[in-house]
Amino acid sequence: MDHKEIANSAVVWALCSVTVAIAFVQALLYIRMAKKTTVTANIDPEVPKKAFRIGLISAIGPAMGVFIVMVGLMTSIGGPMAWMRLSIIGSAGTELTAATLGSTASGAELGGAGFNLTVMAVCWFTMALNGCGWLVVTGLFTPGLEKLRDKISGGDTKWLGVLSAACSLGIFGYLNSGEILKGVGTAIASLTGALSMMALVKFIVPKYPKVMEYSLGISMIVGMACAILYDMV
């Protein structure tokens, strides 16, 4: 059989569906756990509902980028595997890089000359191996990091909030700086996204507080739109 026929066979679809289904169930369990924690902590039920809406809107932009890369990966590694990998990892660039490294190590071009069943298997293995490290580190060190965070904060919820915010700013600042250095288009996306966020918070949100829930998603879409206009020009 041709490697594309095997990659898109019913058996592979069924096997990949199991992993995606597990991820979906985990998401439902997290939502249920959050609702229980809301009751235990005596938090207003509207708070998690608002957070869910904000997360949903903010995820639209990144999801579009992942979807575009998934369409490209489907032509080389098959629809089921591309769907599964990007459903559980969510990093389009990481998965594309892993597949490319796997094909290059086999002496072939991803989806091009020399790409056969053996090369595709190496790509699959590389993508799976690439994600194992995150799973191992998360499983082994997350409980310890949680205890370390509580110890550093000393039980002070305000200090814990500042610490969490500082960590988030550092992480996303580091990731964003790498994207900015890639070229003018990505720099424009970052800059216009940040400026639109500031404009929304300063001028629009005071008049229409509901917009705050969607401000991050709107800013991301504005940044992407400006980058696309730059590339077109």
C-alpha atoms as a PDB file:
ATOM      1  CA  MET A   1       0.000   0.000   0.000  1.00  0.00           C
ATOM      2  CA  ASP A   2       1.033   3.575  -0.609  1.00  0.00           C
ATOM      3  CA  HIS A   3       2.094   5.459   2.517  1.00  0.00           C
ATOM      4  CA  LYS A   4      -0.723   7.983   2.029  1.00  0.00           C
ATOM      5  CA  GLU A   5      -3.301   5.199   1.974  1.00  0.00           C
ATOM      6  CA  ILE A   6      -1.914   3.784   5.222  1.00  0.00           C
ATOM      7  CA  ALA A   7      -1.686   7.233   6.842  1.00  0.00           C
ATOM      8  CA  ASN A   8      -5.369   7.911   6.111  1.00  0.00           C
ATOM      9  CA  SER A   9      -6.692   4.390   6.691  1.00  0.00           C
ATOM     10  CA  ALA A  10      -9.644   3.666   8.957  1.00  0.00           C
ATOM     11  CA  VAL A  11      -7.417   1.876  11.485  1.00  0.00           C
ATOM     12  CA  VAL A  12      -5.192   4.936  11.962  1.00  0.00           C
ATOM     13  CA  TRP A  13      -8.264   7.182  12.270  1.00  0.00           C
ATOM     14  CA  ALA A  14      -9.652   4.883  14.970  1.00  0.00           C
ATOM     15  CA  LEU A  15      -6.377   4.765  16.935  1.00  0.00           C
ATOM     16  CA  CYS A  16      -5.879   8.529  16.785  1.00  0.00           C
ATOM     17  CA  SER A  17      -9.495   9.087  17.816  1.00  0.00           C
ATOM     18  CA  VAL A  18      -8.803   7.311  21.116  1.00  0.00           C
ATOM     19  CA  THR A  19      -6.120   9.832  22.079  1.00  0.00           C
ATOM     20  CA  VAL A  20      -8.245  12.817  21.015  1.00  0.00           C
ATOM     21  CA  ALA A  21     -11.200  11.425  22.961  1.00  0.00           C
ATOM     22  CA  ILE A  22      -9.042  11.131  26.092  1.00  0.00           C
ATOM     23  CA  ALA A  23      -7.964  14.773  25.716  1.00  0.00           C
ATOM     24  CA  PHE A  24     -11.610  15.797  25.308  1.00  0.00           C
ATOM     25  CA  VAL A  25     -12.628  13.888  28.439  1.00  0.00           C
ATOM     26  CA  GLN A  26      -9.761  15.513  30.357  1.00  0.00           C
ATOM     27  CA  ALA A  27     -11.055  18.943  29.343  1.00  0.00           C
ATOM     28  CA  LEU A  28     -14.523  18.045  30.640  1.00  0.00           C
ATOM     29  CA  LEU A  29     -13.033  16.763  33.905  1.00  0.00           C
ATOM     30  CA  TYR A  30     -11.085  20.010  34.364  1.00  0.00           C
ATOM     31  CA  ILE A  31     -14.268  22.018  33.840  1.00  0.00           C
ATOM     32  CA  ARG A  32     -16.123  19.889  36.389  1.00  0.00           C
ATOM     33  CA  MET A  33     -13.253  20.215  38.875  1.00  0.00           C
ATOM     34  CA  ALA A  34     -13.241  23.993  38.399  1.00  0.00           C
ATOM     35  CA  LYS A  35     -16.971  24.145  39.149  1.00  0.00           C
ATOM     36  CA  LYS A  36     -16.514  22.096  42.319  1.00  0.00           C
ATOM     37  CA  THR A  37     -13.616  24.310  43.412  1.00  0.00           C
ATOM     38  CA  THR A  38     -15.774  27.382  42.815  1.00  0.00           C
ATOM     39  CA  VAL A  39     -18.349  26.079  45.290  1.00  0.00           C
ATOM     40  CA  THR A  40     -15.695  25.043  47.832  1.00  0.00           C
ATOM     41  CA  ALA A  41     -13.936  28.421  47.669  1.00  0.00           C
ATOM     42  CA  ASN A  42     -17.262  30.275  47.788  1.00  0.00           C
ATOM     43  CA  ILE A  43     -16.551  32.089  44.522  1.00  0.00           C
ATOM     44  CA  ASP A  44     -19.279  33.859  42.574  1.00  0.00           C
ATOM     45  CA  PRO A  45     -20.520  31.410  39.874  1.00  0.00           C
ATOM     46  CA  GLU A  46     -20.277  34.211  37.304  1.00  0.00           C
ATOM     47  CA  VAL A  47     -16.486  34.346  37.669  1.00  0.00           C
ATOM     48  CA  PRO A  48     -15.726  30.929  36.086  1.00  0.00           C
ATOM     49  CA  LYS A  49     -18.363  31.576  33.406  1.00  0.00           C
ATOM     50  CA  LYS A  50     -16.657  34.840  32.519  1.00  0.00           C
ATOM     51  CA  ALA A  51     -13.226  33.176  32.519  1.00  0.00           C
ATOM     52  CA  PHE A  52     -14.527  30.439  30.215  1.00  0.00           C
ATOM     53  CA  ARG A  53     -15.867  32.992  27.727  1.00  0.00           C
ATOM     54  CA  ILE A  54     -12.585  34.912  27.760  1.00  0.00           C
ATOM     55  CA  GLY A  55     -10.577  31.736  27.176  1.00  0.00           C
ATOM     56  CA  LEU A  56     -12.905  30.632  24.396  1.00  0.00           C
ATOM     57  CA  ILE A  57     -12.612  33.914  22.502  1.00  0.00           C
ATOM     58  CA  SER A  58      -8.851  34.167  23.075  1.00  0.00           C
ATOM     59  CA  ALA A  59      -8.322  30.668  21.674  1.00  0.00           C
ATOM     60  CA  ILE A  60      -9.809  31.507  18.261  1.00  0.00           C
ATOM     61  CA  GLY A  61      -6.675  33.232  16.928  1.00  0.00           C
ATOM     62  CA  PRO A  62      -4.148  30.540  17.920  1.00  0.00           C
ATOM     63  CA  ALA A  63      -6.557  27.817  16.797  1.00  0.00           C
ATOM     64  CA  MET A  64      -6.693  29.299  13.295  1.00  0.00           C
ATOM     65  CA  GLY A  65      -2.902  29.171  13.052  1.00  0.00           C
ATOM     66  CA  VAL A  66      -2.853  25.559  14.223  1.00  0.00           C
ATOM     67  CA  PHE A  67      -5.601  24.655  11.734  1.00  0.00           C
ATOM     68  CA  ILE A  68      -3.651  26.102   8.801  1.00  0.00           C
ATOM     69  CA  VAL A  69      -0.528  24.116   9.713  1.00  0.00           C
ATOM     70  CA  MET A  70      -2.626  20.991  10.235  1.00  0.00           C
ATOM     71  CA  VAL A  71      -3.902  21.226   6.664  1.00  0.00           C
ATOM     72  CA  GLY A  72      -0.299  21.353   5.443  1.00  0.00           C
ATOM     73  CA  LEU A  73       0.773  18.405   7.605  1.00  0.00           C
ATOM     74  CA  MET A  74      -2.151  16.297   6.396  1.00  0.00           C
ATOM     75  CA  THR A  75      -0.639  16.087   2.919  1.00  0.00           C
ATOM     76  CA  SER A  76       2.567  14.497   4.228  1.00  0.00           C
ATOM     77  CA  ILE A  77       1.892  12.612   7.473  1.00  0.00           C
ATOM     78  CA  GLY A  78      -1.827  11.950   6.961  1.00  0.00           C
ATOM     79  CA  GLY A  79      -4.996  13.468   8.330  1.00  0.00           C
ATOM     80  CA  PRO A  80      -5.400  11.315  11.467  1.00  0.00           C
ATOM     81  CA  MET A  81      -1.875  11.872  12.794  1.00  0.00           C
ATOM     82  CA  ALA A  82      -1.919  15.614  12.081  1.00  0.00           C
ATOM     83  CA  TRP A  83      -5.312  15.895  13.779  1.00  0.00           C
ATOM     84  CA  MET A  84      -4.160  13.933  16.834  1.00  0.00           C
ATOM     85  CA  ARG A  85      -0.799  15.641  17.307  1.00  0.00           C
ATOM     86  CA  LEU A  86      -2.177  19.172  17.053  1.00  0.00           C
ATOM     87  CA  SER A  87      -5.156  18.272  19.251  1.00  0.00           C
ATOM     88  CA  ILE A  88      -2.995  17.196  22.189  1.00  0.00           C
ATOM     89  CA  ILE A  89       0.071  19.427  21.701  1.00  0.00           C
ATOM     90  CA  GLY A  90      -1.435  22.524  20.076  1.00  0.00           C
ATOM     91  CA  SER A  91       1.919  23.899  18.901  1.00  0.00           C
ATOM     92  CA  ALA A  92       1.873  24.015  15.126  1.00  0.00           C
ATOM     93  CA  GLY A  93       5.489  25.114  14.822  1.00  0.00           C
ATOM     94  CA  THR A  94       6.763  22.390  17.150  1.00  0.00           C
ATOM     95  CA  GLU A  95       4.970  19.584  15.327  1.00  0.00           C
ATOM     96  CA  LEU A  96       6.005  20.873  11.910  1.00  0.00           C
ATOM     97  CA  THR A  97       9.624  21.102  13.052  1.00  0.00           C
ATOM     98  CA  ALA A  98       9.552  17.579  14.491  1.00  0.00           C
ATOM     99  CA  ALA A  99       8.113  16.129  11.277  1.00  0.00           C
ATOM    100  CA  THR A 100      10.686  18.009   9.209  1.00  0.00           C
ATOM    101  CA  LEU A 101      13.561  16.777  11.392  1.00  0.00           C
ATOM    102  CA  GLY A 102      12.308  13.218  11.086  1.00  0.00           C
ATOM    103  CA  SER A 103      12.163  13.346   7.297  1.00  0.00           C
ATOM    104  CA  THR A 104      15.520  15.132   7.035  1.00  0.00           C
ATOM    105  CA  ALA A 105      17.187  12.514   9.252  1.00  0.00           C
ATOM    106  CA  SER A 106      15.868   9.879   6.847  1.00  0.00           C
ATOM    107  CA  GLY A 107      17.344  11.695   3.871  1.00  0.00           C
ATOM    108  CA  ALA A 108      14.033  12.835   2.402  1.00  0.00           C
ATOM    109  CA  GLU A 109      11.997  16.005   2.030  1.00  0.00           C
ATOM    110  CA  LEU A 110       8.824  16.307   4.085  1.00  0.00           C
ATOM    111  CA  GLY A 111       6.030  15.318   1.727  1.00  0.00           C
ATOM    112  CA  GLY A 112       8.396  15.547  -1.243  1.00  0.00           C
ATOM    113  CA  ALA A 113      11.099  13.536  -2.989  1.00  0.00           C
ATOM    114  CA  GLY A 114      11.992  10.277  -1.256  1.00  0.00           C
ATOM    115  CA  PHE A 115       9.145  10.480   1.233  1.00  0.00           C
ATOM    116  CA  ASN A 116       7.867   6.917   1.683  1.00  0.00           C
ATOM    117  CA  LEU A 117       6.327   4.697   4.349  1.00  0.00           C
ATOM    118  CA  THR A 118       9.589   4.319   6.283  1.00  0.00           C
ATOM    119  CA  VAL A 119      10.210   8.075   6.349  1.00  0.00           C
ATOM    120  CA  MET A 120       6.637   8.709   7.447  1.00  0.00           C
ATOM    121  CA  ALA A 121       7.068   6.237  10.317  1.00  0.00           C
ATOM    122  CA  VAL A 122      10.234   8.066  11.397  1.00  0.00           C
ATOM    123  CA  CYS A 123       8.303  11.369  11.317  1.00  0.00           C
ATOM    124  CA  TRP A 124       5.569   9.882  13.494  1.00  0.00           C
ATOM    125  CA  PHE A 125       8.135   8.543  15.954  1.00  0.00           C
ATOM    126  CA  THR A 126       9.973  11.883  16.077  1.00  0.00           C
ATOM    127  CA  MET A 127       6.766  13.783  16.786  1.00  0.00           C
ATOM    128  CA  ALA A 128       5.813  11.344  19.562  1.00  0.00           C
ATOM    129  CA  LEU A 129       9.303  11.419  21.092  1.00  0.00           C
ATOM    130  CA  ASN A 130       9.323  15.215  20.947  1.00  0.00           C
ATOM    131  CA  GLY A 131       6.270  15.381  23.192  1.00  0.00           C
ATOM    132  CA  CYS A 132       7.391  12.753  25.711  1.00  0.00           C
ATOM    133  CA  GLY A 133       9.755  15.115  27.516  1.00  0.00           C
ATOM    134  CA  TRP A 134       6.979  17.546  28.393  1.00  0.00           C
ATOM    135  CA  LEU A 135       4.781  14.753  29.716  1.00  0.00           C
ATOM    136  CA  VAL A 136       7.558  13.280  31.865  1.00  0.00           C
ATOM    137  CA  VAL A 137       8.608  16.645  33.335  1.00  0.00           C
ATOM    138  CA  THR A 138       4.993  17.632  34.001  1.00  0.00           C
ATOM    139  CA  GLY A 139       4.190  14.340  35.698  1.00  0.00           C
ATOM    140  CA  LEU A 140       7.319  14.292  37.855  1.00  0.00           C
ATOM    141  CA  PHE A 141       7.786  17.929  38.849  1.00  0.00           C
ATOM    142  CA  THR A 142       4.346  19.589  38.848  1.00  0.00           C
ATOM    143  CA  PRO A 143       3.435  18.462  42.416  1.00  0.00           C
ATOM    144  CA  GLY A 144       6.793  19.650  43.705  1.00  0.00           C
ATOM    145  CA  LEU A 145       6.529  22.994  41.914  1.00  0.00           C
ATOM    146  CA  GLU A 146       3.091  23.542  43.419  1.00  0.00           C
ATOM    147  CA  LYS A 147       4.520  23.045  46.920  1.00  0.00           C
ATOM    148  CA  LEU A 148       7.460  25.335  46.090  1.00  0.00           C
ATOM    149  CA  ARG A 149       5.098  28.054  44.873  1.00  0.00           C
ATOM    150  CA  ASP A 150       3.032  27.856  48.072  1.00  0.00           C
ATOM    151  CA  LYS A 151       6.192  27.956  50.184  1.00  0.00           C
ATOM    152  CA  ILE A 152       7.532  31.032  48.376  1.00  0.00           C
ATOM    153  CA  SER A 153       4.218  32.858  48.664  1.00  0.00           C
ATOM    154  CA  GLY A 154       3.941  32.047  52.380  1.00  0.00           C
ATOM    155  CA  GLY A 155       0.200  31.575  52.031  1.00  0.00           C
ATOM    156  CA  ASP A 156      -0.292  35.200  50.974  1.00  0.00           C
ATOM    157  CA  THR A 157      -2.837  35.148  48.134  1.00  0.00           C
ATOM    158  CA  LYS A 158      -1.909  38.659  46.963  1.00  0.00           C
ATOM    159  CA  TRP A 159       1.801  37.817  46.729  1.00  0.00           C
ATOM    160  CA  LEU A 160       0.882  34.572  45.001  1.00  0.00           C
ATOM    161  CA  GLY A 161      -1.081  36.563  42.409  1.00  0.00           C
ATOM    162  CA  VAL A 162       1.890  38.871  41.805  1.00  0.00           C
ATOM    163  CA  LEU A 163       4.249  35.887  41.505  1.00  0.00           C
ATOM    164  CA  SER A 164       1.978  34.105  39.019  1.00  0.00           C
ATOM    165  CA  ALA A 165       1.570  37.267  36.947  1.00  0.00           C
ATOM    166  CA  ALA A 166       5.340  37.856  36.889  1.00  0.00           C
ATOM    167  CA  CYS A 167       5.972  34.284  35.742  1.00  0.00           C
ATOM    168  CA  SER A 168       3.383  34.611  32.991  1.00  0.00           C
ATOM    169  CA  LEU A 169       4.867  37.903  31.781  1.00  0.00           C
ATOM    170  CA  GLY A 170       8.344  36.386  31.709  1.00  0.00           C
ATOM    171  CA  ILE A 171       7.245  33.273  29.806  1.00  0.00           C
ATOM    172  CA  PHE A 172       5.164  35.052  27.196  1.00  0.00           C
ATOM    173  CA  GLY A 173       7.697  37.864  26.898  1.00  0.00           C
ATOM    174  CA  TYR A 174      10.410  35.320  26.127  1.00  0.00           C
ATOM    175  CA  LEU A 175       8.252  33.535  23.553  1.00  0.00           C
ATOM    176  CA  ASN A 176       7.147  36.804  21.976  1.00  0.00           C
ATOM    177  CA  SER A 177      10.701  38.143  21.689  1.00  0.00           C
ATOM    178  CA  GLY A 178      11.653  35.111  19.626  1.00  0.00           C
ATOM    179  CA  GLU A 179       8.758  35.711  17.255  1.00  0.00           C
ATOM    180  CA  ILE A 180       9.581  39.411  16.860  1.00  0.00           C
ATOM    181  CA  LEU A 181      13.125  38.587  15.748  1.00  0.00           C
ATOM    182  CA  LYS A 182      11.835  36.376  12.919  1.00  0.00           C
ATOM    183  CA  GLY A 183      10.930  39.330  10.698  1.00  0.00           C
ATOM    184  CA  VAL A 184       9.014  42.550  10.156  1.00  0.00           C
ATOM    185  CA  GLY A 185       5.658  40.787   9.758  1.00  0.00           C
ATOM    186  CA  THR A 186       5.785  39.108  13.151  1.00  0.00           C
ATOM    187  CA  ALA A 187       7.071  42.308  14.756  1.00  0.00           C
ATOM    188  CA  ILE A 188       4.122  44.224  13.299  1.00  0.00           C
ATOM    189  CA  ALA A 189       1.709  41.578  14.597  1.00  0.00           C
ATOM    190  CA  SER A 190       3.141  41.853  18.117  1.00  0.00           C
ATOM    191  CA  LEU A 191       3.267  45.653  18.137  1.00  0.00           C
ATOM    192  CA  THR A 192      -0.196  46.277  16.693  1.00  0.00           C
ATOM    193  CA  GLY A 193      -1.655  43.601  18.951  1.00  0.00           C
ATOM    194  CA  ALA A 194      -0.168  45.283  22.023  1.00  0.00           C
ATOM    195  CA  LEU A 195      -1.285  48.750  20.906  1.00  0.00           C
ATOM    196  CA  SER A 196      -4.812  47.569  20.168  1.00  0.00           C
ATOM    197  CA  MET A 197      -4.964  45.949  23.612  1.00  0.00           C
ATOM    198  CA  MET A 198      -3.904  49.215  25.242  1.00  0.00           C
ATOM    199  CA  ALA A 199      -6.426  51.197  23.184  1.00  0.00           C
ATOM    200  CA  LEU A 200      -9.245  48.826  24.060  1.00  0.00           C
ATOM    201  CA  VAL A 201      -8.505  48.928  27.795  1.00  0.00           C
ATOM    202  CA  LYS A 202      -8.047  52.697  27.883  1.00  0.00           C
ATOM    203  CA  PHE A 203     -10.813  53.966  25.590  1.00  0.00           C
ATOM    204  CA  ILE A 204     -13.368  51.223  24.896  1.00  0.00           C
ATOM    205  CA  VAL A 205     -13.584  49.142  28.081  1.00  0.00           C
ATOM    206  CA  PRO A 206     -14.477  52.099  30.380  1.00  0.00           C
ATOM    207  CA  LYS A 207     -17.551  52.763  28.217  1.00  0.00           C
ATOM    208  CA  TYR A 208     -18.356  49.133  27.426  1.00  0.00           C
ATOM    209  CA  PRO A 209     -17.038  46.896  30.271  1.00  0.00           C
ATOM    210  CA  LYS A 210     -18.246  43.733  28.521  1.00  0.00           C
ATOM    211  CA  VAL A 211     -15.600  44.248  25.832  1.00  0.00           C
ATOM    212  CA  MET A 212     -12.901  43.425  28.395  1.00  0.00           C
ATOM    213  CA  GLU A 213     -13.824  39.745  28.148  1.00  0.00           C
ATOM    214  CA  TYR A 214     -12.973  39.726  24.450  1.00  0.00           C
ATOM    215  CA  SER A 215     -10.128  42.264  24.414  1.00  0.00           C
ATOM    216  CA  LEU A 216      -7.328  39.683  24.184  1.00  0.00           C
ATOM    217  CA  GLY A 217      -8.992  37.831  21.301  1.00  0.00           C
ATOM    218  CA  ILE A 218      -9.720  41.093  19.472  1.00  0.00           C
ATOM    219  CA  SER A 219      -6.114  42.264  19.903  1.00  0.00           C
ATOM    220  CA  MET A 220      -4.748  39.004  18.521  1.00  0.00           C
ATOM    221  CA  ILE A 221      -7.011  39.209  15.480  1.00  0.00           C
ATOM    222  CA  VAL A 222      -5.980  42.844  14.877  1.00  0.00           C
ATOM    223  CA  GLY A 223      -2.301  41.889  15.094  1.00  0.00           C
ATOM    224  CA  MET A 224      -2.708  39.019  12.639  1.00  0.00           C
ATOM    225  CA  ALA A 225      -4.719  41.184  10.241  1.00  0.00           C
ATOM    226  CA  CYS A 226      -2.024  43.891  10.238  1.00  0.00           C
ATOM    227  CA  ALA A 227       0.683  41.302   9.591  1.00  0.00           C
ATOM    228  CA  ILE A 228      -1.305  39.881   6.663  1.00  0.00           C
ATOM    229  CA  LEU A 229      -1.783  43.368   5.199  1.00  0.00           C
ATOM    230  CA  TYR A 230       1.965  43.964   5.446  1.00  0.00           C
ATOM    231  CA  ASP A 231       2.721  40.694   3.636  1.00  0.00           C
ATOM    232  CA  MET A 232       0.187  41.549   0.912  1.00  0.00           C
ATOM    233  CA  VAL A 233       1.683  45.008   0.387  1.00  0.00           C
END
